[in-house]
């Protein structure tokens, strides 16, 4: 698997944050907030123990797709969240399918609720979209969430992403309930940074 994120000069700084590649030293910092029920309820995988999370972190090539989001508190930096940036193929008919390889980005995120309500998630995801349409040269960015995860879809809308679907009871939640999902997208030509 090619590591497309090597094209970017890391770290990337925003007005208040720093985005960088993740590394194995981030596991404990991530676990600190990812084990919280109000975070785990929406993320793709919610391991029950730190050891299970460590295994998942390394087995899923987590560091290759996820960016650490750090805040300088004045007393050092603290990891406050992650943004997943997965480079994926677009769809194309067989005669042109090679031209659809690696042209889209799929985004996801999780943030420590202790730092919520200050615009950090918006700032970090905006920076990730800028990387997609800037140095990575992608043509389209997508993101999905459970429809009940209002903070996530409101973030997508704040960033100018267009709602493309609302799936009815199409996503199985770890609670055993089939829940609605929502998908948003943005084209490079629609991006206003």
N, C-alpha and C. Protein backbone atom coordinates (compact mmCIF):
# COMPACT_ATOMS: atom_id res chain seq x y z
N UNK A 1 0.84 -1.18 0.00
CA UNK A 1 0.00 0.00 0.00
C UNK A 1 0.90 1.25 0.00
N UNK A 2 0.65 2.11 -0.96
CA UNK A 2 1.43 3.34 -1.06
C UNK A 2 0.99 4.32 0.04
N UNK A 3 1.94 5.00 0.61
CA UNK A 3 1.66 5.98 1.65
C UNK A 3 1.59 7.37 1.02
N UNK A 4 0.40 7.74 0.54
CA UNK A 4 0.22 9.02 -0.15
C UNK A 4 0.51 10.21 0.75
N UNK A 5 0.36 10.02 2.07
CA UNK A 5 0.56 11.15 2.98
C UNK A 5 2.02 11.56 3.10
N UNK A 6 2.92 10.77 2.50
CA UNK A 6 4.34 11.17 2.48
C UNK A 6 4.57 12.39 1.59
N UNK A 7 3.61 12.72 0.76
CA UNK A 7 3.72 13.89 -0.12
C UNK A 7 3.65 15.21 0.65
N UNK A 8 3.24 15.14 1.91
CA UNK A 8 3.01 16.34 2.70
C UNK A 8 4.18 16.58 3.64
N UNK A 9 4.55 17.82 3.79
CA UNK A 9 5.61 18.20 4.72
C UNK A 9 5.00 18.34 6.12
N UNK A 10 5.31 17.39 6.99
CA UNK A 10 4.75 17.35 8.34
C UNK A 10 5.67 18.02 9.33
N UNK A 11 5.14 18.59 10.41
CA UNK A 11 3.72 18.78 10.74
C UNK A 11 3.11 19.93 9.94
N UNK A 12 1.78 19.96 9.96
CA UNK A 12 1.01 21.03 9.33
C UNK A 12 0.39 21.85 10.45
N UNK A 13 0.61 23.16 10.41
CA UNK A 13 0.07 24.02 11.46
C UNK A 13 -1.11 24.83 10.95
N UNK A 14 -2.09 25.00 11.84
CA UNK A 14 -3.21 25.89 11.59
C UNK A 14 -3.06 27.05 12.57
N UNK A 15 -4.08 27.86 12.68
CA UNK A 15 -4.00 29.00 13.59
C UNK A 15 -3.72 28.56 15.03
N UNK A 16 -4.38 27.48 15.48
CA UNK A 16 -4.23 27.06 16.88
C UNK A 16 -3.73 25.63 17.06
N UNK A 17 -3.68 24.86 15.99
CA UNK A 17 -3.41 23.44 16.09
C UNK A 17 -2.22 23.01 15.26
N UNK A 18 -1.79 21.79 15.53
CA UNK A 18 -0.74 21.16 14.73
C UNK A 18 -1.22 19.75 14.37
N UNK A 19 -1.19 19.43 13.09
CA UNK A 19 -1.51 18.09 12.62
C UNK A 19 -0.21 17.41 12.23
N UNK A 20 -0.07 16.15 12.64
CA UNK A 20 1.14 15.40 12.33
C UNK A 20 0.78 13.95 12.14
N UNK A 21 1.73 13.19 11.62
CA UNK A 21 1.54 11.74 11.49
C UNK A 21 1.49 11.12 12.88
N UNK A 22 0.67 10.11 13.02
CA UNK A 22 0.58 9.41 14.30
C UNK A 22 1.76 8.46 14.46
N UNK A 23 2.03 8.11 15.71
CA UNK A 23 3.08 7.13 15.98
C UNK A 23 2.67 6.30 17.20
N UNK A 24 3.43 5.26 17.47
CA UNK A 24 3.07 4.32 18.54
C UNK A 24 2.99 4.99 19.92
N UNK A 25 3.70 6.09 20.11
CA UNK A 25 3.66 6.79 21.40
C UNK A 25 2.31 7.46 21.65
N UNK A 26 1.46 7.54 20.63
CA UNK A 26 0.16 8.19 20.77
C UNK A 26 -0.93 7.30 21.37
N UNK A 27 -0.66 6.01 21.48
CA UNK A 27 -1.70 5.07 21.91
C UNK A 27 -2.33 5.47 23.24
N UNK A 28 -1.53 5.74 24.26
CA UNK A 28 -2.08 6.06 25.58
C UNK A 28 -2.89 7.36 25.55
N UNK A 29 -2.42 8.36 24.82
CA UNK A 29 -3.14 9.63 24.73
C UNK A 29 -4.49 9.44 24.03
N UNK A 30 -4.51 8.62 23.01
CA UNK A 30 -5.77 8.35 22.31
C UNK A 30 -6.75 7.60 23.21
N UNK A 31 -6.22 6.62 23.90
CA UNK A 31 -7.07 5.79 24.77
C UNK A 31 -7.73 6.64 25.86
N UNK A 32 -7.04 7.68 26.31
CA UNK A 32 -7.55 8.54 27.38
C UNK A 32 -8.96 9.04 27.05
N UNK A 33 -9.20 9.42 25.80
CA UNK A 33 -10.54 9.92 25.48
C UNK A 33 -11.37 8.96 24.63
N UNK A 34 -10.73 8.08 23.88
CA UNK A 34 -11.50 7.17 23.02
C UNK A 34 -12.25 6.12 23.83
N UNK A 35 -11.87 5.92 25.08
CA UNK A 35 -12.59 4.95 25.91
C UNK A 35 -13.87 5.54 26.51
N UNK A 36 -14.05 6.85 26.41
CA UNK A 36 -15.23 7.52 26.96
C UNK A 36 -16.48 7.12 26.18
N UNK A 37 -17.56 6.86 26.90
CA UNK A 37 -18.79 6.38 26.27
C UNK A 37 -19.32 7.35 25.21
N UNK A 38 -19.24 8.66 25.46
CA UNK A 38 -19.78 9.61 24.47
C UNK A 38 -18.91 9.72 23.23
N UNK A 39 -17.70 9.16 23.25
CA UNK A 39 -16.85 9.08 22.06
C UNK A 39 -17.05 7.71 21.41
N UNK A 40 -16.96 6.67 22.21
CA UNK A 40 -17.04 5.30 21.70
C UNK A 40 -18.35 5.02 20.99
N UNK A 41 -19.44 5.68 21.42
CA UNK A 41 -20.73 5.38 20.80
C UNK A 41 -20.75 5.67 19.31
N UNK A 42 -19.86 6.55 18.81
CA UNK A 42 -19.91 6.93 17.40
C UNK A 42 -18.74 6.43 16.56
N UNK A 43 -17.65 6.03 17.18
CA UNK A 43 -16.48 5.63 16.39
C UNK A 43 -16.61 4.20 15.88
N UNK A 44 -15.88 3.89 14.83
CA UNK A 44 -15.99 2.59 14.16
C UNK A 44 -15.66 1.43 15.07
N UNK A 45 -14.61 1.54 15.86
CA UNK A 45 -14.21 0.45 16.75
C UNK A 45 -14.08 0.98 18.17
N UNK A 46 -14.65 0.26 19.10
CA UNK A 46 -14.62 0.67 20.51
C UNK A 46 -14.09 -0.44 21.40
N UNK A 47 -12.79 -0.74 21.31
CA UNK A 47 -12.23 -1.80 22.15
C UNK A 47 -12.47 -1.52 23.63
N UNK A 48 -12.62 -2.61 24.39
CA UNK A 48 -12.96 -2.50 25.81
C UNK A 48 -11.75 -2.25 26.70
N UNK A 49 -10.56 -2.60 26.24
CA UNK A 49 -9.36 -2.44 27.08
C UNK A 49 -8.25 -1.75 26.31
N UNK A 50 -7.30 -1.21 27.04
CA UNK A 50 -6.15 -0.57 26.42
C UNK A 50 -5.37 -1.58 25.57
N UNK A 51 -5.25 -2.81 26.04
CA UNK A 51 -4.52 -3.82 25.28
C UNK A 51 -5.23 -4.11 23.96
N UNK A 52 -6.56 -4.20 23.99
CA UNK A 52 -7.31 -4.41 22.76
C UNK A 52 -7.13 -3.22 21.82
N UNK A 53 -7.11 -2.02 22.38
CA UNK A 53 -6.92 -0.83 21.56
C UNK A 53 -5.52 -0.83 20.93
N UNK A 54 -4.51 -1.20 21.71
CA UNK A 54 -3.15 -1.30 21.15
C UNK A 54 -3.10 -2.26 19.97
N UNK A 55 -3.72 -3.43 20.13
CA UNK A 55 -3.75 -4.41 19.05
C UNK A 55 -4.43 -3.84 17.81
N UNK A 56 -5.55 -3.18 18.01
CA UNK A 56 -6.28 -2.57 16.90
C UNK A 56 -5.44 -1.48 16.24
N UNK A 57 -4.80 -0.66 17.05
CA UNK A 57 -3.98 0.44 16.55
C UNK A 57 -2.95 -0.06 15.55
N UNK A 58 -2.28 -1.13 15.88
CA UNK A 58 -1.21 -1.63 15.00
C UNK A 58 -1.73 -2.55 13.91
N UNK A 59 -2.78 -3.32 14.17
CA UNK A 59 -3.30 -4.26 13.18
C UNK A 59 -3.99 -3.56 12.02
N UNK A 60 -4.60 -2.44 12.28
CA UNK A 60 -5.37 -1.73 11.26
C UNK A 60 -4.58 -0.66 10.53
N UNK A 61 -3.30 -0.66 10.66
CA UNK A 61 -2.44 0.36 10.04
C UNK A 61 -2.94 1.75 10.42
N UNK A 62 -3.40 1.86 11.64
CA UNK A 62 -3.98 3.11 12.15
C UNK A 62 -3.09 4.32 11.90
N UNK A 63 -1.79 4.23 12.20
CA UNK A 63 -0.96 5.43 12.02
C UNK A 63 -0.83 5.89 10.57
N UNK A 64 -1.02 5.01 9.59
CA UNK A 64 -0.87 5.42 8.20
C UNK A 64 -1.98 6.33 7.73
N UNK A 65 -3.17 6.18 8.27
CA UNK A 65 -4.32 6.94 7.79
C UNK A 65 -4.75 8.05 8.73
N UNK A 66 -4.26 8.04 9.95
CA UNK A 66 -4.76 8.97 10.96
C UNK A 66 -3.73 10.02 11.34
N UNK A 67 -4.22 11.22 11.47
CA UNK A 67 -3.38 12.35 11.85
C UNK A 67 -3.67 12.72 13.29
N UNK A 68 -2.64 12.94 14.05
CA UNK A 68 -2.79 13.43 15.42
C UNK A 68 -3.06 14.92 15.36
N UNK A 69 -4.01 15.38 16.16
CA UNK A 69 -4.32 16.81 16.25
C UNK A 69 -3.87 17.26 17.63
N UNK A 70 -2.91 18.18 17.64
CA UNK A 70 -2.34 18.64 18.90
C UNK A 70 -2.63 20.12 19.14
N UNK A 71 -2.79 20.45 20.41
CA UNK A 71 -3.00 21.82 20.86
C UNK A 71 -1.87 22.19 21.79
N UNK A 72 -1.30 23.37 21.60
CA UNK A 72 -0.28 23.87 22.52
C UNK A 72 -1.01 24.57 23.65
N UNK A 73 -0.88 24.03 24.85
CA UNK A 73 -1.60 24.57 26.01
C UNK A 73 -0.80 25.65 26.74
N UNK A 74 0.41 25.93 26.28
CA UNK A 74 1.28 26.86 26.99
C UNK A 74 2.19 26.12 27.96
N UNK A 75 1.81 24.90 28.27
CA UNK A 75 2.62 24.04 29.15
C UNK A 75 3.00 22.78 28.40
N UNK A 76 3.00 22.87 27.09
CA UNK A 76 3.31 21.72 26.24
C UNK A 76 2.14 21.40 25.34
N UNK A 77 2.33 20.42 24.46
CA UNK A 77 1.25 20.06 23.55
C UNK A 77 0.49 18.86 24.09
N UNK A 78 -0.80 18.84 23.77
CA UNK A 78 -1.66 17.73 24.16
C UNK A 78 -2.41 17.25 22.92
N UNK A 79 -2.51 15.93 22.78
CA UNK A 79 -3.26 15.34 21.68
C UNK A 79 -4.74 15.45 22.02
N UNK A 80 -5.50 16.19 21.20
CA UNK A 80 -6.92 16.42 21.49
C UNK A 80 -7.85 15.67 20.54
N UNK A 81 -7.28 15.05 19.52
CA UNK A 81 -8.13 14.34 18.57
C UNK A 81 -7.35 13.74 17.43
N UNK A 82 -8.09 13.12 16.54
CA UNK A 82 -7.50 12.56 15.33
C UNK A 82 -8.40 12.87 14.15
N UNK A 83 -7.78 12.96 12.99
CA UNK A 83 -8.51 13.04 11.74
C UNK A 83 -7.99 11.92 10.86
N UNK A 84 -8.91 11.05 10.44
CA UNK A 84 -8.54 9.99 9.50
C UNK A 84 -8.64 10.55 8.09
N UNK A 85 -7.61 10.30 7.31
CA UNK A 85 -7.59 10.72 5.92
C UNK A 85 -7.20 9.50 5.10
N UNK A 86 -8.19 8.87 4.50
CA UNK A 86 -7.98 7.65 3.71
C UNK A 86 -8.12 8.00 2.24
N UNK A 87 -7.09 7.71 1.47
CA UNK A 87 -7.14 7.94 0.03
C UNK A 87 -7.80 6.72 -0.61
N UNK A 88 -8.87 6.95 -1.35
CA UNK A 88 -9.64 5.85 -1.92
C UNK A 88 -9.84 6.06 -3.43
N UNK A 89 -10.27 4.98 -4.08
CA UNK A 89 -10.54 5.05 -5.51
C UNK A 89 -11.94 5.58 -5.76
N UNK A 90 -12.09 6.33 -6.83
CA UNK A 90 -13.41 6.69 -7.32
C UNK A 90 -13.93 5.54 -8.16
N UNK A 91 -15.15 5.63 -8.61
CA UNK A 91 -15.69 4.59 -9.47
C UNK A 91 -15.48 5.00 -10.91
N UNK A 92 -15.17 4.05 -11.75
CA UNK A 92 -15.01 4.32 -13.17
C UNK A 92 -15.35 3.08 -13.98
N UNK A 93 -15.83 3.28 -15.16
CA UNK A 93 -16.10 2.16 -16.05
C UNK A 93 -14.78 1.48 -16.40
N UNK A 94 -14.85 0.24 -16.83
CA UNK A 94 -13.64 -0.57 -17.00
C UNK A 94 -12.61 0.07 -17.91
N UNK A 95 -13.03 0.78 -18.93
CA UNK A 95 -12.07 1.40 -19.86
C UNK A 95 -11.28 2.54 -19.23
N UNK A 96 -11.82 3.13 -18.17
CA UNK A 96 -11.16 4.29 -17.56
C UNK A 96 -10.91 4.10 -16.06
N UNK A 97 -11.11 2.90 -15.55
CA UNK A 97 -11.03 2.70 -14.11
C UNK A 97 -9.65 3.04 -13.54
N UNK A 98 -8.60 2.89 -14.31
CA UNK A 98 -7.26 3.25 -13.82
C UNK A 98 -7.17 4.73 -13.49
N UNK A 99 -7.89 5.55 -14.22
CA UNK A 99 -7.88 7.00 -13.99
C UNK A 99 -8.66 7.39 -12.74
N UNK A 100 -9.41 6.44 -12.18
CA UNK A 100 -10.20 6.71 -10.97
C UNK A 100 -9.48 6.22 -9.72
N UNK A 101 -8.27 5.73 -9.85
CA UNK A 101 -7.52 5.20 -8.69
C UNK A 101 -6.94 6.33 -7.84
N UNK A 102 -7.18 6.27 -6.54
CA UNK A 102 -6.58 7.21 -5.59
C UNK A 102 -6.91 8.67 -5.81
N UNK A 103 -8.15 8.96 -6.20
CA UNK A 103 -8.52 10.34 -6.51
C UNK A 103 -9.46 10.98 -5.48
N UNK A 104 -9.85 10.19 -4.48
CA UNK A 104 -10.78 10.71 -3.48
C UNK A 104 -10.24 10.51 -2.07
N UNK A 105 -10.70 11.36 -1.18
CA UNK A 105 -10.34 11.23 0.22
C UNK A 105 -11.60 10.94 1.03
N UNK A 106 -11.46 10.03 1.97
CA UNK A 106 -12.55 9.75 2.90
C UNK A 106 -12.08 10.18 4.27
N UNK A 107 -12.85 11.05 4.91
CA UNK A 107 -12.47 11.61 6.20
C UNK A 107 -13.30 11.04 7.34
N UNK A 108 -12.68 11.00 8.51
CA UNK A 108 -13.35 10.64 9.74
C UNK A 108 -12.60 11.34 10.88
N UNK A 109 -13.20 11.41 12.05
CA UNK A 109 -12.53 12.11 13.14
C UNK A 109 -13.08 11.67 14.48
N UNK A 110 -12.28 11.92 15.48
CA UNK A 110 -12.72 11.78 16.88
C UNK A 110 -11.95 12.81 17.69
N UNK A 111 -12.64 13.42 18.64
CA UNK A 111 -12.01 14.46 19.46
C UNK A 111 -12.37 14.26 20.92
N UNK A 112 -11.45 14.66 21.77
CA UNK A 112 -11.65 14.60 23.21
C UNK A 112 -12.74 15.61 23.58
N UNK A 113 -13.85 15.16 24.18
CA UNK A 113 -14.93 16.07 24.54
C UNK A 113 -14.50 17.20 25.48
N UNK A 114 -13.41 17.01 26.21
CA UNK A 114 -12.92 18.06 27.10
C UNK A 114 -12.52 19.32 26.33
N UNK A 115 -12.28 19.18 25.03
CA UNK A 115 -11.86 20.32 24.21
C UNK A 115 -12.96 20.72 23.22
N UNK A 116 -14.18 20.25 23.45
CA UNK A 116 -15.29 20.54 22.56
C UNK A 116 -15.81 21.96 22.69
N UNK A 117 -16.51 22.40 21.67
CA UNK A 117 -17.15 23.71 21.69
C UNK A 117 -16.24 24.89 21.44
N UNK A 118 -15.02 24.62 21.02
CA UNK A 118 -14.06 25.71 20.78
C UNK A 118 -13.64 25.82 19.31
N UNK A 119 -14.25 25.00 18.45
CA UNK A 119 -13.95 25.05 17.02
C UNK A 119 -12.70 24.28 16.60
N UNK A 120 -12.13 23.49 17.51
CA UNK A 120 -10.91 22.75 17.16
C UNK A 120 -11.18 21.70 16.09
N UNK A 121 -12.28 20.97 16.20
CA UNK A 121 -12.59 19.93 15.21
C UNK A 121 -12.79 20.57 13.84
N UNK A 122 -13.52 21.67 13.78
CA UNK A 122 -13.73 22.36 12.51
C UNK A 122 -12.40 22.80 11.92
N UNK A 123 -11.54 23.36 12.73
CA UNK A 123 -10.23 23.83 12.27
C UNK A 123 -9.37 22.68 11.75
N UNK A 124 -9.38 21.55 12.46
CA UNK A 124 -8.56 20.40 12.07
C UNK A 124 -9.09 19.75 10.79
N UNK A 125 -10.39 19.56 10.70
CA UNK A 125 -10.96 18.91 9.51
C UNK A 125 -10.83 19.85 8.30
N UNK A 126 -10.97 21.15 8.51
CA UNK A 126 -10.75 22.12 7.43
C UNK A 126 -9.32 21.98 6.89
N UNK A 127 -8.36 21.82 7.79
CA UNK A 127 -6.96 21.66 7.37
C UNK A 127 -6.79 20.36 6.58
N UNK A 128 -7.46 19.29 7.00
CA UNK A 128 -7.36 18.02 6.29
C UNK A 128 -7.96 18.12 4.89
N UNK A 129 -9.08 18.83 4.77
CA UNK A 129 -9.68 19.04 3.44
C UNK A 129 -8.72 19.84 2.57
N UNK A 130 -8.09 20.85 3.17
CA UNK A 130 -7.10 21.64 2.43
C UNK A 130 -5.94 20.79 1.92
N UNK A 131 -5.52 19.81 2.71
CA UNK A 131 -4.46 18.89 2.27
C UNK A 131 -4.95 18.03 1.11
N UNK A 132 -6.20 17.59 1.20
CA UNK A 132 -6.77 16.77 0.13
C UNK A 132 -6.77 17.50 -1.20
N UNK A 133 -7.23 18.75 -1.17
CA UNK A 133 -7.37 19.50 -2.41
C UNK A 133 -6.11 20.28 -2.78
N UNK A 134 -5.16 20.37 -1.84
CA UNK A 134 -3.89 21.03 -2.12
C UNK A 134 -2.83 20.02 -2.52
N UNK A 135 -1.90 19.71 -1.62
CA UNK A 135 -0.77 18.86 -1.98
C UNK A 135 -1.13 17.44 -2.45
N UNK A 136 -2.26 16.90 -2.00
CA UNK A 136 -2.63 15.55 -2.43
C UNK A 136 -3.32 15.54 -3.79
N UNK A 137 -3.84 16.68 -4.21
CA UNK A 137 -4.44 16.80 -5.54
C UNK A 137 -5.67 15.93 -5.76
N UNK A 138 -6.45 15.69 -4.72
CA UNK A 138 -7.64 14.86 -4.86
C UNK A 138 -8.78 15.65 -5.49
N UNK A 139 -9.73 14.95 -6.06
CA UNK A 139 -10.84 15.61 -6.75
C UNK A 139 -12.11 15.68 -5.91
N UNK A 140 -12.20 14.84 -4.85
CA UNK A 140 -13.44 14.75 -4.07
C UNK A 140 -13.12 14.25 -2.67
N UNK A 141 -13.88 14.73 -1.69
CA UNK A 141 -13.73 14.30 -0.31
C UNK A 141 -15.11 13.89 0.20
N UNK A 142 -15.15 12.79 0.94
CA UNK A 142 -16.41 12.31 1.51
C UNK A 142 -16.26 12.07 3.01
N UNK A 143 -17.38 12.03 3.70
CA UNK A 143 -17.42 11.67 5.12
C UNK A 143 -18.81 11.14 5.42
N UNK A 144 -18.88 10.19 6.35
CA UNK A 144 -20.16 9.60 6.74
C UNK A 144 -20.25 9.53 8.26
N UNK A 145 -21.47 9.48 8.76
CA UNK A 145 -21.68 9.32 10.20
C UNK A 145 -23.06 8.75 10.44
N UNK A 146 -23.29 8.29 11.66
CA UNK A 146 -24.65 7.94 12.07
C UNK A 146 -25.46 9.24 12.07
N UNK A 147 -26.70 9.17 11.61
CA UNK A 147 -27.54 10.36 11.57
C UNK A 147 -27.78 10.93 12.97
N UNK A 148 -27.74 10.09 13.98
CA UNK A 148 -27.92 10.55 15.36
C UNK A 148 -26.70 11.30 15.89
N UNK A 149 -25.59 11.22 15.20
CA UNK A 149 -24.38 11.92 15.61
C UNK A 149 -24.41 13.35 15.06
N UNK A 150 -25.27 14.15 15.62
CA UNK A 150 -25.50 15.51 15.14
C UNK A 150 -24.24 16.37 15.09
N UNK A 151 -23.35 16.32 16.10
CA UNK A 151 -22.14 17.14 16.00
C UNK A 151 -21.30 16.85 14.74
N UNK A 152 -21.26 15.58 14.30
CA UNK A 152 -20.47 15.25 13.12
C UNK A 152 -21.09 15.80 11.85
N UNK A 153 -22.40 15.59 11.65
CA UNK A 153 -22.96 16.09 10.40
C UNK A 153 -23.07 17.62 10.39
N UNK A 154 -23.21 18.22 11.57
CA UNK A 154 -23.19 19.69 11.61
C UNK A 154 -21.80 20.23 11.25
N UNK A 155 -20.76 19.52 11.66
CA UNK A 155 -19.40 19.90 11.28
C UNK A 155 -19.24 19.83 9.77
N UNK A 156 -19.74 18.76 9.15
CA UNK A 156 -19.64 18.64 7.69
C UNK A 156 -20.34 19.81 7.01
N UNK A 157 -21.50 20.17 7.51
CA UNK A 157 -22.24 21.28 6.91
C UNK A 157 -21.52 22.61 7.12
N UNK A 158 -20.92 22.81 8.29
CA UNK A 158 -20.15 24.05 8.53
C UNK A 158 -19.02 24.20 7.54
N UNK A 159 -18.45 23.08 7.13
CA UNK A 159 -17.32 23.11 6.21
C UNK A 159 -17.75 23.17 4.74
N UNK A 160 -19.06 23.29 4.50
CA UNK A 160 -19.54 23.42 3.13
C UNK A 160 -19.74 22.11 2.40
N UNK A 161 -19.70 21.00 3.14
CA UNK A 161 -19.93 19.72 2.49
C UNK A 161 -21.42 19.57 2.18
N UNK A 162 -21.71 18.89 1.10
CA UNK A 162 -23.06 18.70 0.60
C UNK A 162 -23.59 17.34 1.05
N UNK A 163 -24.79 17.32 1.60
CA UNK A 163 -25.42 16.06 1.99
C UNK A 163 -25.80 15.30 0.72
N UNK A 164 -25.27 14.08 0.60
CA UNK A 164 -25.55 13.28 -0.59
C UNK A 164 -26.50 12.12 -0.32
N UNK A 165 -26.57 11.67 0.93
CA UNK A 165 -27.54 10.62 1.20
C UNK A 165 -27.91 10.59 2.68
N UNK A 166 -29.08 10.06 2.91
CA UNK A 166 -29.56 9.74 4.25
C UNK A 166 -30.06 8.30 4.15
N UNK A 167 -29.27 7.37 4.65
CA UNK A 167 -29.64 5.96 4.61
C UNK A 167 -30.56 5.61 5.77
N UNK A 168 -31.64 4.92 5.48
CA UNK A 168 -32.60 4.54 6.51
C UNK A 168 -32.22 3.19 7.10
N UNK A 169 -31.90 3.19 8.40
CA UNK A 169 -31.56 1.98 9.15
C UNK A 169 -30.61 1.08 8.35
N UNK A 170 -29.54 1.67 7.84
CA UNK A 170 -28.59 0.93 7.01
C UNK A 170 -27.27 0.63 7.72
N UNK A 171 -27.12 1.07 8.96
CA UNK A 171 -25.86 0.92 9.68
C UNK A 171 -26.10 0.27 11.04
N UNK A 172 -25.44 -0.85 11.26
CA UNK A 172 -25.62 -1.57 12.52
C UNK A 172 -24.69 -1.00 13.59
N UNK A 173 -25.29 -0.47 14.63
CA UNK A 173 -24.55 0.10 15.77
C UNK A 173 -24.17 -1.03 16.71
N UNK A 174 -23.08 -0.85 17.47
CA UNK A 174 -22.64 -1.92 18.39
C UNK A 174 -23.69 -2.21 19.46
N UNK A 175 -24.66 -1.33 19.63
CA UNK A 175 -25.75 -1.57 20.58
C UNK A 175 -26.72 -2.64 20.07
N UNK A 176 -26.59 -3.00 18.79
CA UNK A 176 -27.49 -3.95 18.17
C UNK A 176 -28.61 -3.30 17.37
N UNK A 177 -28.69 -1.97 17.43
CA UNK A 177 -29.75 -1.23 16.73
C UNK A 177 -29.29 -0.85 15.32
N UNK A 178 -30.18 -1.05 14.35
CA UNK A 178 -29.94 -0.55 13.00
C UNK A 178 -30.29 0.93 12.99
N UNK A 179 -29.31 1.76 12.63
CA UNK A 179 -29.48 3.21 12.70
C UNK A 179 -29.35 3.83 11.32
N UNK A 180 -29.92 5.03 11.17
CA UNK A 180 -29.76 5.80 9.94
C UNK A 180 -28.33 6.31 9.84
N UNK A 181 -27.89 6.54 8.60
CA UNK A 181 -26.58 7.14 8.37
C UNK A 181 -26.74 8.32 7.42
N UNK A 182 -25.72 9.15 7.40
CA UNK A 182 -25.70 10.29 6.50
C UNK A 182 -24.34 10.39 5.85
N UNK A 183 -24.33 10.77 4.58
CA UNK A 183 -23.07 10.92 3.85
C UNK A 183 -23.00 12.29 3.20
N UNK A 184 -21.82 12.88 3.30
CA UNK A 184 -21.57 14.21 2.75
C UNK A 184 -20.36 14.16 1.84
N UNK A 185 -20.28 15.11 0.92
CA UNK A 185 -19.15 15.17 0.00
C UNK A 185 -18.86 16.61 -0.40
N UNK A 186 -17.68 16.78 -0.96
CA UNK A 186 -17.24 18.09 -1.44
C UNK A 186 -16.29 17.86 -2.59
N UNK A 187 -16.48 18.60 -3.67
CA UNK A 187 -15.58 18.52 -4.82
C UNK A 187 -14.50 19.59 -4.71
N UNK A 188 -13.37 19.34 -5.31
CA UNK A 188 -12.27 20.31 -5.25
C UNK A 188 -12.71 21.68 -5.74
N UNK A 189 -13.51 21.72 -6.82
CA UNK A 189 -13.92 23.02 -7.36
C UNK A 189 -14.94 23.74 -6.48
N UNK A 190 -15.51 23.04 -5.51
CA UNK A 190 -16.46 23.65 -4.58
C UNK A 190 -15.78 24.19 -3.31
N UNK A 191 -14.54 23.80 -3.10
CA UNK A 191 -13.84 24.13 -1.87
C UNK A 191 -13.48 25.61 -1.82
N UNK A 192 -13.89 26.25 -0.74
CA UNK A 192 -13.52 27.64 -0.49
C UNK A 192 -12.78 27.64 0.84
N UNK A 193 -11.48 27.86 0.77
CA UNK A 193 -10.67 27.81 2.00
C UNK A 193 -10.62 29.18 2.65
